[in-house]
């Protein structure tokens, strides 16, 4: 038994978008239609829970008491002191 495949028409694509999609398809060794099928299939294959699970596995948690905003300010202030050759106080 063969499955009935659906068709989707996308109108009003920017010509530059189409050009880039064609170039991407060529680099992948696929037709434009096959490349678009791949893009759409990949886009819907991932759900939020998979993404959260990936983040949990790959992103290192911040140390307890670590203040990212303060670290950014300190780094900026240090760069300013080096550039200006003097103490650059944060406002």
N, C-alpha and C. Protein backbone atom coordinates (compact mmCIF):
# COMPACT_ATOMS: atom_id res chain seq x y z
N UNK A 1 0.85 -1.18 0.00
CA UNK A 1 0.00 0.00 0.00
C UNK A 1 0.89 1.24 0.00
N UNK A 2 0.67 2.17 -0.91
CA UNK A 2 1.48 3.38 -0.96
C UNK A 2 0.80 4.50 -0.19
N UNK A 3 1.63 5.32 0.46
CA UNK A 3 1.11 6.44 1.24
C UNK A 3 0.80 7.59 0.30
N UNK A 4 -0.24 8.32 0.61
CA UNK A 4 -0.58 9.52 -0.14
C UNK A 4 0.24 10.66 0.42
N UNK A 5 1.00 11.32 -0.45
CA UNK A 5 1.87 12.40 -0.02
C UNK A 5 1.16 13.73 -0.23
N UNK A 6 1.31 14.62 0.72
CA UNK A 6 0.71 15.95 0.63
C UNK A 6 1.62 16.88 -0.14
N UNK A 7 1.04 17.94 -0.66
CA UNK A 7 1.80 18.97 -1.35
C UNK A 7 1.56 20.29 -0.65
N UNK A 8 2.58 21.12 -0.64
CA UNK A 8 2.50 22.45 -0.04
C UNK A 8 3.04 23.44 -1.06
N UNK A 9 2.34 24.52 -1.24
CA UNK A 9 2.79 25.59 -2.13
C UNK A 9 3.11 26.81 -1.27
N UNK A 10 4.30 27.36 -1.49
CA UNK A 10 4.69 28.57 -0.77
C UNK A 10 4.81 29.68 -1.80
N UNK A 11 3.99 30.67 -1.65
CA UNK A 11 3.98 31.79 -2.60
C UNK A 11 4.76 32.97 -2.04
N UNK A 12 5.14 33.86 -2.93
CA UNK A 12 5.74 35.14 -2.60
C UNK A 12 7.07 35.03 -1.84
N UNK A 13 7.89 34.06 -2.24
CA UNK A 13 9.22 33.97 -1.66
C UNK A 13 10.12 35.02 -2.31
N UNK A 14 10.94 35.63 -1.52
CA UNK A 14 11.91 36.59 -2.01
C UNK A 14 12.88 35.88 -2.96
N UNK A 15 13.18 36.47 -4.11
CA UNK A 15 14.10 35.82 -5.06
C UNK A 15 15.46 35.48 -4.45
N UNK A 16 15.95 36.30 -3.56
CA UNK A 16 17.23 36.02 -2.90
C UNK A 16 17.12 34.76 -2.03
N UNK A 17 16.00 34.58 -1.38
CA UNK A 17 15.77 33.38 -0.57
C UNK A 17 15.79 32.15 -1.46
N UNK A 18 15.14 32.23 -2.58
CA UNK A 18 15.11 31.10 -3.51
C UNK A 18 16.51 30.82 -4.03
N UNK A 19 17.25 31.86 -4.36
CA UNK A 19 18.62 31.68 -4.85
C UNK A 19 19.47 30.96 -3.80
N UNK A 20 19.34 31.38 -2.54
CA UNK A 20 20.13 30.76 -1.47
C UNK A 20 19.69 29.32 -1.22
N UNK A 21 18.41 29.04 -1.32
CA UNK A 21 17.93 27.67 -1.16
C UNK A 21 18.46 26.77 -2.28
N UNK A 22 18.48 27.30 -3.50
CA UNK A 22 19.02 26.53 -4.63
C UNK A 22 20.51 26.24 -4.43
N UNK A 23 21.24 27.25 -3.95
CA UNK A 23 22.67 27.05 -3.69
C UNK A 23 22.89 26.02 -2.59
N UNK A 24 22.07 26.08 -1.57
CA UNK A 24 22.17 25.10 -0.48
C UNK A 24 21.87 23.69 -1.00
N UNK A 25 20.85 23.57 -1.82
CA UNK A 25 20.51 22.27 -2.41
C UNK A 25 21.66 21.74 -3.24
N UNK A 26 22.26 22.60 -4.03
CA UNK A 26 23.38 22.18 -4.88
C UNK A 26 24.54 21.69 -4.03
N UNK A 27 24.86 22.43 -2.95
CA UNK A 27 25.95 22.01 -2.06
C UNK A 27 25.66 20.65 -1.43
N UNK A 28 24.39 20.38 -1.17
CA UNK A 28 23.98 19.12 -0.55
C UNK A 28 23.82 17.99 -1.57
N UNK A 29 23.91 18.34 -2.86
CA UNK A 29 23.75 17.33 -3.90
C UNK A 29 22.30 16.89 -4.07
N UNK A 30 21.38 17.80 -3.76
CA UNK A 30 19.96 17.48 -3.87
C UNK A 30 19.27 18.48 -4.79
N UNK A 31 18.10 18.10 -5.24
CA UNK A 31 17.28 19.04 -5.98
C UNK A 31 16.71 20.05 -4.98
N UNK A 32 16.20 21.15 -5.50
CA UNK A 32 15.58 22.14 -4.62
C UNK A 32 14.43 21.52 -3.85
N UNK A 33 13.62 20.72 -4.54
CA UNK A 33 12.48 20.07 -3.88
C UNK A 33 12.93 19.15 -2.76
N UNK A 34 13.96 18.36 -3.01
CA UNK A 34 14.47 17.43 -1.98
C UNK A 34 15.05 18.21 -0.81
N UNK A 35 15.75 19.30 -1.11
CA UNK A 35 16.32 20.13 -0.03
C UNK A 35 15.22 20.73 0.83
N UNK A 36 14.17 21.22 0.20
CA UNK A 36 13.05 21.80 0.96
C UNK A 36 12.36 20.73 1.82
N UNK A 37 12.23 19.52 1.29
CA UNK A 37 11.65 18.43 2.11
C UNK A 37 12.52 18.17 3.33
N UNK A 38 13.83 18.17 3.12
CA UNK A 38 14.76 17.94 4.24
C UNK A 38 14.64 19.04 5.28
N UNK A 39 14.61 20.28 4.84
CA UNK A 39 14.51 21.42 5.75
C UNK A 39 13.22 21.35 6.57
N UNK A 40 12.11 21.08 5.90
CA UNK A 40 10.82 21.01 6.59
C UNK A 40 10.80 19.84 7.57
N UNK A 41 11.29 18.69 7.14
CA UNK A 41 11.30 17.51 8.02
C UNK A 41 12.15 17.76 9.26
N UNK A 42 13.32 18.39 9.09
CA UNK A 42 14.18 18.69 10.23
C UNK A 42 13.53 19.71 11.16
N UNK A 43 12.84 20.68 10.57
CA UNK A 43 12.22 21.73 11.38
C UNK A 43 11.16 21.17 12.32
N UNK A 44 10.44 20.17 11.89
CA UNK A 44 9.36 19.64 12.72
C UNK A 44 9.77 18.41 13.52
N UNK A 45 11.00 17.94 13.32
CA UNK A 45 11.43 16.72 14.02
C UNK A 45 11.87 16.98 15.46
N UNK A 46 12.16 18.21 15.79
CA UNK A 46 12.64 18.54 17.12
C UNK A 46 11.53 19.23 17.91
N UNK A 47 11.35 18.78 19.12
CA UNK A 47 10.37 19.47 19.95
C UNK A 47 11.09 20.12 21.13
N UNK A 48 10.37 20.92 21.86
CA UNK A 48 10.94 21.70 22.96
C UNK A 48 11.58 20.81 24.01
N UNK A 49 10.97 19.67 24.34
CA UNK A 49 11.51 18.81 25.39
C UNK A 49 12.86 18.22 24.97
N UNK A 50 13.03 17.91 23.67
CA UNK A 50 14.32 17.43 23.20
C UNK A 50 15.38 18.51 23.33
N UNK A 51 15.01 19.73 23.01
CA UNK A 51 15.94 20.85 23.11
C UNK A 51 16.36 21.08 24.57
N UNK A 52 15.40 21.05 25.47
CA UNK A 52 15.69 21.23 26.90
C UNK A 52 16.61 20.11 27.38
N UNK A 53 16.35 18.89 26.97
CA UNK A 53 17.19 17.76 27.35
C UNK A 53 18.62 17.95 26.83
N UNK A 54 18.76 18.45 25.60
CA UNK A 54 20.07 18.70 25.04
C UNK A 54 20.79 19.77 25.86
N UNK A 55 20.08 20.85 26.19
CA UNK A 55 20.69 21.90 27.01
C UNK A 55 21.16 21.37 28.35
N UNK A 56 20.33 20.56 28.99
CA UNK A 56 20.70 19.99 30.28
C UNK A 56 21.98 19.17 30.19
N UNK A 57 22.15 18.49 29.06
CA UNK A 57 23.31 17.63 28.88
C UNK A 57 24.57 18.41 28.49
N UNK A 58 24.42 19.50 27.74
CA UNK A 58 25.58 20.17 27.16
C UNK A 58 25.95 21.52 27.76
N UNK A 59 25.08 22.14 28.50
CA UNK A 59 25.37 23.47 29.03
C UNK A 59 25.75 23.35 30.50
N UNK A 60 26.90 23.89 30.83
CA UNK A 60 27.37 23.82 32.20
C UNK A 60 26.59 24.83 33.06
N UNK A 61 26.06 24.39 34.18
CA UNK A 61 25.31 25.33 35.03
C UNK A 61 26.26 26.33 35.68
N UNK A 62 25.73 27.48 36.00
CA UNK A 62 26.51 28.51 36.66
C UNK A 62 26.85 28.08 38.08
N UNK A 63 28.00 28.53 38.55
CA UNK A 63 28.38 28.22 39.93
C UNK A 63 27.42 28.92 40.88
N UNK A 64 27.15 28.32 42.03
CA UNK A 64 26.30 28.99 43.03
C UNK A 64 26.90 30.34 43.40
N UNK A 65 26.09 31.35 43.42
CA UNK A 65 26.54 32.70 43.76
C UNK A 65 27.18 33.47 42.62
N UNK A 66 27.31 32.84 41.44
CA UNK A 66 27.91 33.51 40.29
C UNK A 66 26.92 34.51 39.71
N UNK A 67 27.37 35.73 39.51
CA UNK A 67 26.53 36.80 38.97
C UNK A 67 27.06 37.16 37.59
N UNK A 68 26.39 36.67 36.54
CA UNK A 68 26.86 36.89 35.17
C UNK A 68 26.90 38.36 34.81
N UNK A 69 25.91 39.11 35.26
CA UNK A 69 25.87 40.55 34.95
C UNK A 69 27.07 41.25 35.56
N UNK A 70 27.37 40.93 36.80
CA UNK A 70 28.53 41.55 37.47
C UNK A 70 29.82 41.15 36.76
N UNK A 71 29.93 39.90 36.32
CA UNK A 71 31.13 39.46 35.61
C UNK A 71 31.29 40.22 34.30
N UNK A 72 30.20 40.48 33.61
CA UNK A 72 30.25 41.26 32.37
C UNK A 72 30.71 42.68 32.66
N UNK A 73 30.15 43.29 33.70
CA UNK A 73 30.56 44.65 34.08
C UNK A 73 32.04 44.69 34.45
N UNK A 74 32.49 43.71 35.21
CA UNK A 74 33.90 43.68 35.61
C UNK A 74 34.82 43.54 34.40
N UNK A 75 34.44 42.68 33.46
CA UNK A 75 35.24 42.52 32.25
C UNK A 75 35.29 43.80 31.43
N UNK A 76 34.15 44.45 31.32
CA UNK A 76 34.09 45.72 30.58
C UNK A 76 34.96 46.77 31.25
N UNK A 77 34.84 46.87 32.57
CA UNK A 77 35.62 47.86 33.31
C UNK A 77 37.12 47.61 33.16
N UNK A 78 37.54 46.34 33.21
CA UNK A 78 38.96 46.00 33.05
C UNK A 78 39.45 46.39 31.66
N UNK A 79 38.66 46.12 30.63
CA UNK A 79 39.05 46.51 29.27
C UNK A 79 39.17 48.02 29.15
N UNK A 80 38.24 48.74 29.76
CA UNK A 80 38.29 50.20 29.72
C UNK A 80 39.55 50.72 30.42
N UNK A 81 39.91 50.13 31.54
CA UNK A 81 41.13 50.55 32.25
C UNK A 81 42.35 50.33 31.37
N UNK A 82 42.40 49.19 30.67
CA UNK A 82 43.53 48.92 29.78
C UNK A 82 43.57 49.92 28.62
N UNK A 83 42.41 50.20 28.04
CA UNK A 83 42.35 51.11 26.89
C UNK A 83 42.70 52.53 27.32
N UNK A 84 42.14 52.97 28.43
CA UNK A 84 42.34 54.34 28.87
C UNK A 84 43.60 54.52 29.72
N UNK A 85 44.12 53.43 30.22
CA UNK A 85 45.31 53.51 31.05
C UNK A 85 45.03 54.12 32.41
N UNK A 86 43.80 54.05 32.84
CA UNK A 86 43.43 54.63 34.12
C UNK A 86 42.26 53.85 34.69
N UNK A 87 41.82 54.19 35.86
CA UNK A 87 40.68 53.53 36.48
C UNK A 87 39.39 54.04 35.85
N UNK A 88 38.64 53.15 35.23
CA UNK A 88 37.34 53.51 34.64
C UNK A 88 36.25 53.01 35.57
N UNK A 89 35.65 53.91 36.28
CA UNK A 89 34.61 53.51 37.22
C UNK A 89 33.28 53.32 36.53
N UNK A 90 32.57 52.30 36.98
CA UNK A 90 31.23 52.03 36.45
C UNK A 90 30.25 52.98 37.10
N UNK A 91 29.29 53.45 36.33
CA UNK A 91 28.27 54.37 36.86
C UNK A 91 27.18 53.64 37.54
